[in-house]
Amino acid sequence: MSEKNDKFVRIIGFNGEIQAQLIEAVLLDVEIPFRIRRYKDSVYNGLFEMQFGWGDLFAPAELAERIISVLSAEDLLEDSQAKQE
């Protein structure tokens, strides 16, 4: 993951842990900085995962198109996951 202090924005949401691990491996391989935020909270017994999904991928805004391109080429995205902004 990145240690830079660039402004990170939400790129996509994850459907589950396996998808997150696959995407993490691809982004590490191409050396793109990112962060994964998981919505797990054992205190609330999965309440946030039910509302927000498994988690989200955050990265610098200027790399959003490159990330979507890389993940699409690896067939790791569904149409509904691409950034809609």
Protein backbone atom coordinates (compact mmCIF):
# COMPACT_ATOMS: atom_id res chain seq x y z
CA MET A 1 0.00 0.00 0.00
CA SER A 2 1.03 3.58 -0.43
CA GLU A 3 2.67 5.71 2.19
CA LYS A 4 2.21 8.93 0.22
CA ASN A 5 0.03 11.69 1.60
CA ASP A 6 -1.70 12.43 -1.73
CA LYS A 7 -5.43 12.96 -1.62
CA PHE A 8 -7.05 9.57 -2.05
CA VAL A 9 -10.54 9.19 -3.49
CA ARG A 10 -12.89 6.22 -3.72
CA ILE A 11 -12.33 4.31 -6.95
CA ILE A 12 -14.53 1.20 -6.60
CA GLY A 13 -16.38 -0.87 -4.04
CA PHE A 14 -15.58 -4.53 -3.45
CA ASN A 15 -18.05 -7.40 -3.59
CA GLY A 16 -15.98 -9.48 -1.18
CA GLU A 17 -12.60 -10.35 0.25
CA ILE A 18 -11.45 -12.49 -2.68
CA GLN A 19 -12.05 -9.70 -5.18
CA ALA A 20 -10.18 -7.29 -2.88
CA GLN A 21 -7.20 -9.66 -2.65
CA LEU A 22 -7.06 -10.13 -6.43
CA ILE A 23 -7.19 -6.39 -7.06
CA GLU A 24 -4.60 -5.75 -4.36
CA ALA A 25 -2.21 -8.21 -6.05
CA VAL A 26 -2.65 -6.55 -9.46
CA LEU A 27 -2.13 -3.03 -8.12
CA LEU A 28 0.95 -4.05 -6.15
CA ASP A 29 2.34 -5.70 -9.29
CA VAL A 30 1.97 -2.51 -11.36
CA GLU A 31 3.13 -0.36 -8.42
CA ILE A 32 0.06 1.85 -8.15
CA PRO A 33 -0.44 3.41 -4.71
CA PHE A 34 -3.75 2.52 -3.06
CA ARG A 35 -5.57 1.84 0.19
CA ILE A 36 -8.28 -0.69 0.95
CA ARG A 37 -10.93 0.21 3.50
CA ARG A 38 -12.91 -2.70 4.87
CA TYR A 39 -16.25 -2.07 6.56
CA LYS A 40 -15.96 -4.88 9.08
CA ASP A 41 -16.72 -4.10 12.69
CA SER A 42 -17.09 -7.05 15.02
CA VAL A 43 -18.83 -4.91 17.63
CA TYR A 44 -21.78 -4.29 15.29
CA ASN A 45 -21.78 -7.84 13.86
CA GLY A 46 -21.42 -6.92 10.18
CA LEU A 47 -23.92 -4.04 10.18
CA PHE A 48 -21.67 -1.77 8.11
CA GLU A 49 -20.85 -4.50 5.59
CA MET A 50 -24.57 -4.95 4.97
CA GLN A 51 -25.01 -1.20 4.39
CA PHE A 52 -21.80 -0.26 2.56
CA GLY A 53 -20.54 -3.52 1.08
CA TRP A 54 -17.36 -5.40 1.90
CA GLY A 55 -15.04 -2.43 1.40
CA ASP A 56 -13.71 0.22 -0.98
CA LEU A 57 -10.55 0.91 -2.95
CA PHE A 58 -9.02 4.37 -2.54
CA ALA A 59 -6.21 5.83 -4.64
CA PRO A 60 -4.94 9.21 -5.86
CA ALA A 61 -7.55 10.86 -8.08
CA GLU A 62 -5.08 11.33 -10.94
CA LEU A 63 -4.59 7.54 -11.15
CA ALA A 64 -8.29 6.61 -11.23
CA GLU A 65 -8.49 6.13 -15.01
CA ARG A 66 -5.30 4.06 -15.06
CA ILE A 67 -6.59 1.84 -12.25
CA ILE A 68 -9.92 1.27 -13.98
CA SER A 69 -8.06 0.48 -17.20
CA VAL A 70 -5.70 -1.99 -15.53
CA LEU A 71 -8.49 -3.73 -13.63
CA SER A 72 -10.71 -3.89 -16.71
CA ALA A 73 -7.87 -5.45 -18.71
CA GLU A 74 -7.52 -8.10 -15.98
CA ASP A 75 -11.31 -8.65 -16.07
CA LEU A 76 -11.63 -7.82 -12.37
CA LEU A 77 -14.42 -5.25 -12.64
CA GLU A 78 -18.11 -5.45 -13.20
CA ASP A 79 -19.73 -2.57 -15.10
CA SER A 80 -21.46 -1.40 -11.93
CA GLN A 81 -18.13 -1.04 -10.11
CA ALA A 82 -16.49 1.49 -12.39
CA LYS A 83 -16.27 4.99 -10.96
CA GLN A 84 -19.33 6.97 -12.00
CA GLU A 85 -18.03 10.51 -11.40
